[in-house]
Amino acid sequence: MDIQSLSASALVRFGQLGQLTEAGGSASAAGSGLTEQLWLLGGIALALMGAGVVAIAAARGRGRD
């Protein structure tokens, strides 16, 4: 694959027509995809941590019954 076809696929995949450039277009699009994945991973980690806190609190309350 050449740079032009990579840039074209990045345009279709990420929909960032105005932000891509000739030289670094596919690199900037890939960076934004990575950023989105990191935000999603952080959100999942935060949700799991919250579920763990609730589970620990529920387990502490069960021993007193």
PDB file of N, CA and C in Angstrom:
ATOM      1  N   MET A   1       0.839  -1.191   0.000  1.00  0.00           N
ATOM      2  CA  MET A   1       0.000   0.000   0.000  1.00  0.00           C
ATOM      3  C   MET A   1       0.876   1.244   0.000  1.00  0.00           C
ATOM      4  N   ASP A   2       0.439   2.235  -0.731  1.00  0.00           N
ATOM      5  CA  ASP A   2       1.183   3.486  -0.728  1.00  0.00           C
ATOM      6  C   ASP A   2       0.514   4.501   0.193  1.00  0.00           C
ATOM      7  N   ILE A   3       1.159   5.629   0.367  1.00  0.00           N
ATOM      8  CA  ILE A   3       0.675   6.648   1.308  1.00  0.00           C
ATOM      9  C   ILE A   3      -0.678   7.201   0.888  1.00  0.00           C
ATOM     10  N   GLN A   4      -0.900   7.356  -0.417  1.00  0.00           N
ATOM     11  CA  GLN A   4      -2.172   7.925  -0.871  1.00  0.00           C
ATOM     12  C   GLN A   4      -3.341   7.002  -0.561  1.00  0.00           C
ATOM     13  N   SER A   5      -3.174   5.702  -0.747  1.00  0.00           N
ATOM     14  CA  SER A   5      -4.268   4.786  -0.440  1.00  0.00           C
ATOM     15  C   SER A   5      -4.492   4.680   1.063  1.00  0.00           C
ATOM     16  N   LEU A   6      -3.421   4.774   1.863  1.00  0.00           N
ATOM     17  CA  LEU A   6      -3.585   4.790   3.317  1.00  0.00           C
ATOM     18  C   LEU A   6      -4.335   6.036   3.763  1.00  0.00           C
ATOM     19  N   SER A   7      -3.995   7.177   3.158  1.00  0.00           N
ATOM     20  CA  SER A   7      -4.686   8.417   3.508  1.00  0.00           C
ATOM     21  C   SER A   7      -6.147   8.346   3.113  1.00  0.00           C
ATOM     22  N   ALA A   8      -6.442   7.747   1.957  1.00  0.00           N
ATOM     23  CA  ALA A   8      -7.828   7.627   1.515  1.00  0.00           C
ATOM     24  C   ALA A   8      -8.620   6.728   2.458  1.00  0.00           C
ATOM     25  N   SER A   9      -8.015   5.626   2.893  1.00  0.00           N
ATOM     26  CA  SER A   9      -8.731   4.748   3.819  1.00  0.00           C
ATOM     27  C   SER A   9      -8.916   5.419   5.175  1.00  0.00           C
ATOM     28  N   ALA A  10      -7.952   6.243   5.580  1.00  0.00           N
ATOM     29  CA  ALA A  10      -8.095   6.979   6.833  1.00  0.00           C
ATOM     30  C   ALA A  10      -9.214   8.002   6.729  1.00  0.00           C
ATOM     31  N   LEU A  11      -9.360   8.631   5.563  1.00  0.00           N
ATOM     32  CA  LEU A  11     -10.454   9.584   5.363  1.00  0.00           C
ATOM     33  C   LEU A  11     -11.803   8.900   5.518  1.00  0.00           C
ATOM     34  N   VAL A  12     -11.928   7.733   4.927  1.00  0.00           N
ATOM     35  CA  VAL A  12     -13.198   7.010   5.009  1.00  0.00           C
ATOM     36  C   VAL A  12     -13.430   6.509   6.424  1.00  0.00           C
ATOM     37  N   ARG A  13     -12.394   5.975   7.054  1.00  0.00           N
ATOM     38  CA  ARG A  13     -12.557   5.362   8.375  1.00  0.00           C
ATOM     39  C   ARG A  13     -12.850   6.379   9.465  1.00  0.00           C
ATOM     40  N   PHE A  14     -12.131   7.475   9.489  1.00  0.00           N
ATOM     41  CA  PHE A  14     -12.250   8.425  10.581  1.00  0.00           C
ATOM     42  C   PHE A  14     -13.098   9.633  10.237  1.00  0.00           C
ATOM     43  N   GLY A  15     -13.386   9.870   8.960  1.00  0.00           N
ATOM     44  CA  GLY A  15     -14.234  10.974   8.560  1.00  0.00           C
ATOM     45  C   GLY A  15     -13.669  12.340   8.887  1.00  0.00           C
ATOM     46  N   GLN A  16     -12.375  12.493   8.838  1.00  0.00           N
ATOM     47  CA  GLN A  16     -11.751  13.769   9.173  1.00  0.00           C
ATOM     48  C   GLN A  16     -11.204  14.394   7.902  1.00  0.00           C
ATOM     49  N   LEU A  17     -12.076  14.825   7.014  1.00  0.00           N
ATOM     50  CA  LEU A  17     -11.653  15.340   5.721  1.00  0.00           C
ATOM     51  C   LEU A  17     -10.812  16.598   5.857  1.00  0.00           C
ATOM     52  N   GLY A  18     -11.147  17.477   6.753  1.00  0.00           N
ATOM     53  CA  GLY A  18     -10.445  18.739   6.867  1.00  0.00           C
ATOM     54  C   GLY A  18      -9.148  18.667   7.642  1.00  0.00           C
ATOM     55  N   GLN A  19      -8.931  17.633   8.423  1.00  0.00           N
ATOM     56  CA  GLN A  19      -7.776  17.596   9.315  1.00  0.00           C
ATOM     57  C   GLN A  19      -6.591  16.818   8.763  1.00  0.00           C
ATOM     58  N   LEU A  20      -6.801  16.034   7.720  1.00  0.00           N
ATOM     59  CA  LEU A  20      -5.706  15.227   7.194  1.00  0.00           C
ATOM     60  C   LEU A  20      -4.858  16.036   6.220  1.00  0.00           C
ATOM     61  N   THR A  21      -3.576  15.827   6.248  1.00  0.00           N
ATOM     62  CA  THR A  21      -2.665  16.487   5.318  1.00  0.00           C
ATOM     63  C   THR A  21      -1.994  15.441   4.452  1.00  0.00           C
ATOM     64  N   GLU A  22      -1.302  15.895   3.417  1.00  0.00           N
ATOM     65  CA  GLU A  22      -0.632  14.956   2.515  1.00  0.00           C
ATOM     66  C   GLU A  22       0.460  14.165   3.230  1.00  0.00           C
ATOM     67  N   ALA A  23       1.311  14.841   3.980  1.00  0.00           N
ATOM     68  CA  ALA A  23       2.475  14.172   4.557  1.00  0.00           C
ATOM     69  C   ALA A  23       2.118  13.317   5.765  1.00  0.00           C
ATOM     70  N   GLY A  24       1.367  13.864   6.711  1.00  0.00           N
ATOM     71  CA  GLY A  24       1.125  13.150   7.955  1.00  0.00           C
ATOM     72  C   GLY A  24      -0.320  12.809   8.180  1.00  0.00           C
ATOM     73  N   GLY A  25      -1.092  12.692   7.142  1.00  0.00           N
ATOM     74  CA  GLY A  25      -2.528  12.476   7.280  1.00  0.00           C
ATOM     75  C   GLY A  25      -2.892  11.185   7.969  1.00  0.00           C
ATOM     76  N   SER A  26      -2.311  10.087   7.518  1.00  0.00           N
ATOM     77  CA  SER A  26      -2.686   8.810   8.117  1.00  0.00           C
ATOM     78  C   SER A  26      -2.168   8.699   9.545  1.00  0.00           C
ATOM     79  N   ALA A  27      -1.055   9.345   9.848  1.00  0.00           N
ATOM     80  CA  ALA A  27      -0.523   9.299  11.207  1.00  0.00           C
ATOM     81  C   ALA A  27      -1.422  10.062  12.167  1.00  0.00           C
ATOM     82  N   SER A  28      -1.929  11.230  11.750  1.00  0.00           N
ATOM     83  CA  SER A  28      -2.796  11.991  12.648  1.00  0.00           C
ATOM     84  C   SER A  28      -4.139  11.305  12.828  1.00  0.00           C
ATOM     85  N   ALA A  29      -4.637  10.657  11.787  1.00  0.00           N
ATOM     86  CA  ALA A  29      -5.898   9.927  11.912  1.00  0.00           C
ATOM     87  C   ALA A  29      -5.731   8.721  12.822  1.00  0.00           C
ATOM     88  N   ALA A  30      -4.604   8.030  12.693  1.00  0.00           N
ATOM     89  CA  ALA A  30      -4.361   6.874  13.560  1.00  0.00           C
ATOM     90  C   ALA A  30      -4.212   7.313  15.007  1.00  0.00           C
ATOM     91  N   GLY A  31      -3.619   8.470  15.228  1.00  0.00           N
ATOM     92  CA  GLY A  31      -3.481   8.981  16.587  1.00  0.00           C
ATOM     93  C   GLY A  31      -4.817   9.278  17.218  1.00  0.00           C
ATOM     94  N   SER A  32      -5.757   9.817  16.448  1.00  0.00           N
ATOM     95  CA  SER A  32      -7.071  10.110  17.012  1.00  0.00           C
ATOM     96  C   SER A  32      -7.826   8.827  17.322  1.00  0.00           C
ATOM     97  N   GLY A  33      -7.629   7.789  16.522  1.00  0.00           N
ATOM     98  CA  GLY A  33      -8.249   6.501  16.811  1.00  0.00           C
ATOM     99  C   GLY A  33      -7.693   5.897  18.084  1.00  0.00           C
ATOM    100  N   LEU A  34      -6.396   6.052  18.273  1.00  0.00           N
ATOM    101  CA  LEU A  34      -5.761   5.552  19.491  1.00  0.00           C
ATOM    102  C   LEU A  34      -6.258   6.319  20.705  1.00  0.00           C
ATOM    103  N   THR A  35      -6.422   7.625  20.560  1.00  0.00           N
ATOM    104  CA  THR A  35      -6.934   8.443  21.661  1.00  0.00           C
ATOM    105  C   THR A  35      -8.329   7.995  22.058  1.00  0.00           C
ATOM    106  N   GLU A  36      -9.162   7.728  21.057  1.00  0.00           N
ATOM    107  CA  GLU A  36     -10.524   7.271  21.352  1.00  0.00           C
ATOM    108  C   GLU A  36     -10.502   5.932  22.078  1.00  0.00           C
ATOM    109  N   GLN A  37      -9.630   5.035  21.651  1.00  0.00           N
ATOM    110  CA  GLN A  37      -9.536   3.731  22.304  1.00  0.00           C
ATOM    111  C   GLN A  37      -9.062   3.862  23.744  1.00  0.00           C
ATOM    112  N   LEU A  38      -8.128   4.778  23.986  1.00  0.00           N
ATOM    113  CA  LEU A  38      -7.653   4.983  25.356  1.00  0.00           C
ATOM    114  C   LEU A  38      -8.748   5.554  26.245  1.00  0.00           C
ATOM    115  N   TRP A  39      -9.552   6.481  25.723  1.00  0.00           N
ATOM    116  CA  TRP A  39     -10.670   7.020  26.499  1.00  0.00           C
ATOM    117  C   TRP A  39     -11.678   5.925  26.826  1.00  0.00           C
ATOM    118  N   LEU A  40     -11.972   5.064  25.847  1.00  0.00           N
ATOM    119  CA  LEU A  40     -12.913   3.971  26.095  1.00  0.00           C
ATOM    120  C   LEU A  40     -12.355   2.989  27.125  1.00  0.00           C
ATOM    121  N   LEU A  41     -11.072   2.685  27.021  1.00  0.00           N
ATOM    122  CA  LEU A  41     -10.443   1.792  27.993  1.00  0.00           C
ATOM    123  C   LEU A  41     -10.475   2.399  29.390  1.00  0.00           C
ATOM    124  N   GLY A  42     -10.225   3.695  29.489  1.00  0.00           N
ATOM    125  CA  GLY A  42     -10.306   4.378  30.779  1.00  0.00           C
ATOM    126  C   GLY A  42     -11.711   4.350  31.349  1.00  0.00           C
ATOM    127  N   GLY A  43     -12.706   4.516  30.486  1.00  0.00           N
ATOM    128  CA  GLY A  43     -14.098   4.452  30.942  1.00  0.00           C
ATOM    129  C   GLY A  43     -14.475   3.076  31.456  1.00  0.00           C
ATOM    130  N   ILE A  44     -14.009   2.053  30.765  1.00  0.00           N
ATOM    131  CA  ILE A  44     -14.280   0.684  31.216  1.00  0.00           C
ATOM    132  C   ILE A  44     -13.597   0.416  32.552  1.00  0.00           C
ATOM    133  N   ALA A  45     -12.358   0.881  32.687  1.00  0.00           N
ATOM    134  CA  ALA A  45     -11.635   0.692  33.950  1.00  0.00           C
ATOM    135  C   ALA A  45     -12.344   1.405  35.096  1.00  0.00           C
ATOM    136  N   LEU A  46     -12.836   2.605  34.840  1.00  0.00           N
ATOM    137  CA  LEU A  46     -13.552   3.354  35.871  1.00  0.00           C
ATOM    138  C   LEU A  46     -14.849   2.652  36.262  1.00  0.00           C
ATOM    139  N   ALA A  47     -15.564   2.114  35.281  1.00  0.00           N
ATOM    140  CA  ALA A  47     -16.803   1.395  35.576  1.00  0.00           C
ATOM    141  C   ALA A  47     -16.530   0.130  36.391  1.00  0.00           C
ATOM    142  N   LEU A  48     -15.474  -0.595  36.034  1.00  0.00           N
ATOM    143  CA  LEU A  48     -15.130  -1.803  36.792  1.00  0.00           C
ATOM    144  C   LEU A  48     -14.694  -1.472  38.213  1.00  0.00           C
ATOM    145  N   MET A  49     -13.980  -0.377  38.373  1.00  0.00           N
ATOM    146  CA  MET A  49     -13.566   0.032  39.714  1.00  0.00           C
ATOM    147  C   MET A  49     -14.792   0.394  40.555  1.00  0.00           C
ATOM    148  N   GLY A  50     -15.739   1.091  39.960  1.00  0.00           N
ATOM    149  CA  GLY A  50     -16.967   1.432  40.682  1.00  0.00           C
ATOM    150  C   GLY A  50     -17.752   0.196  41.075  1.00  0.00           C
ATOM    151  N   ALA A  51     -17.815  -0.773  40.175  1.00  0.00           N
ATOM    152  CA  ALA A  51     -18.518  -2.019  40.492  1.00  0.00           C
ATOM    153  C   ALA A  51     -17.809  -2.769  41.615  1.00  0.00           C
ATOM    154  N   GLY A  52     -16.493  -2.717  41.631  1.00  0.00           N
ATOM    155  CA  GLY A  52     -15.738  -3.362  42.704  1.00  0.00           C
ATOM    156  C   GLY A  52     -15.982  -2.712  44.049  1.00  0.00           C
ATOM    157  N   VAL A  53     -16.058  -1.386  44.069  1.00  0.00           N
ATOM    158  CA  VAL A  53     -16.336  -0.667  45.323  1.00  0.00           C
ATOM    159  C   VAL A  53     -17.713  -1.037  45.848  1.00  0.00           C
ATOM    160  N   VAL A  54     -18.689  -1.112  44.969  1.00  0.00           N
ATOM    161  CA  VAL A  54     -20.048  -1.489  45.382  1.00  0.00           C
ATOM    162  C   VAL A  54     -20.065  -2.926  45.891  1.00  0.00           C
ATOM    163  N   ALA A  55     -19.338  -3.821  45.229  1.00  0.00           N
ATOM    164  CA  ALA A  55     -19.301  -5.221  45.663  1.00  0.00           C
ATOM    165  C   ALA A  55     -18.648  -5.362  47.031  1.00  0.00           C
ATOM    166  N   ILE A  56     -17.587  -4.611  47.275  1.00  0.00           N
ATOM    167  CA  ILE A  56     -16.929  -4.663  48.584  1.00  0.00           C
ATOM    168  C   ILE A  56     -17.856  -4.130  49.667  1.00  0.00           C
ATOM    169  N   ALA A  57     -18.549  -3.039  49.378  1.00  0.00           N
ATOM    170  CA  ALA A  57     -19.483  -2.478  50.359  1.00  0.00           C
ATOM    171  C   ALA A  57     -20.625  -3.448  50.641  1.00  0.00           C
ATOM    172  N   ALA A  58     -21.105  -4.124  49.618  1.00  0.00           N
ATOM    173  CA  ALA A  58     -22.186  -5.095  49.810  1.00  0.00           C
ATOM    174  C   ALA A  58     -21.705  -6.301  50.610  1.00  0.00           C
ATOM    175  N   ALA A  59     -20.479  -6.734  50.370  1.00  0.00           N
ATOM    176  CA  ALA A  59     -19.944  -7.884  51.100  1.00  0.00           C
ATOM    177  C   ALA A  59     -19.730  -7.553  52.572  1.00  0.00           C
ATOM    178  N   ARG A  60     -19.334  -6.351  52.883  1.00  0.00           N
ATOM    179  CA  ARG A  60     -19.154  -5.954  54.286  1.00  0.00           C
ATOM    180  C   ARG A  60     -20.485  -5.925  55.024  1.00  0.00           C
ATOM    181  N   GLY A  61     -21.520  -5.505  54.344  1.00  0.00           N
ATOM    182  CA  GLY A  61     -22.835  -5.441  54.980  1.00  0.00           C
ATOM    183  C   GLY A  61     -23.454  -6.803  55.211  1.00  0.00           C
ATOM    184  N   ARG A  62     -23.101  -7.803  54.432  1.00  0.00           N
ATOM    185  CA  ARG A  62     -23.712  -9.130  54.558  1.00  0.00           C
ATOM    186  C   ARG A  62     -23.259  -9.862  55.806  1.00  0.00           C
ATOM    187  N   GLY A  63     -22.079  -9.614  56.290  1.00  0.00           N
ATOM    188  CA  GLY A  63     -21.557 -10.339  57.444  1.00  0.00           C
ATOM    189  C   GLY A  63     -22.240  -9.965  58.747  1.00  0.00           C
ATOM    190  N   ARG A  64     -22.934  -8.883  58.798  1.00  0.00           N
ATOM    191  CA  ARG A  64     -23.562  -8.403  60.033  1.00  0.00           C
ATOM    192  C   ARG A  64     -24.981  -8.924  60.237  1.00  0.00           C
ATOM    193  N   ASP A  65     -25.541  -9.583  59.254  1.00  0.00           N
ATOM    194  CA  ASP A  65     -26.938 -10.051  59.371  1.00  0.00           C
ATOM    195  C   ASP A  65     -27.088 -11.239  60.269  1.00  0.00           C
TER     196      ASP A  65
END
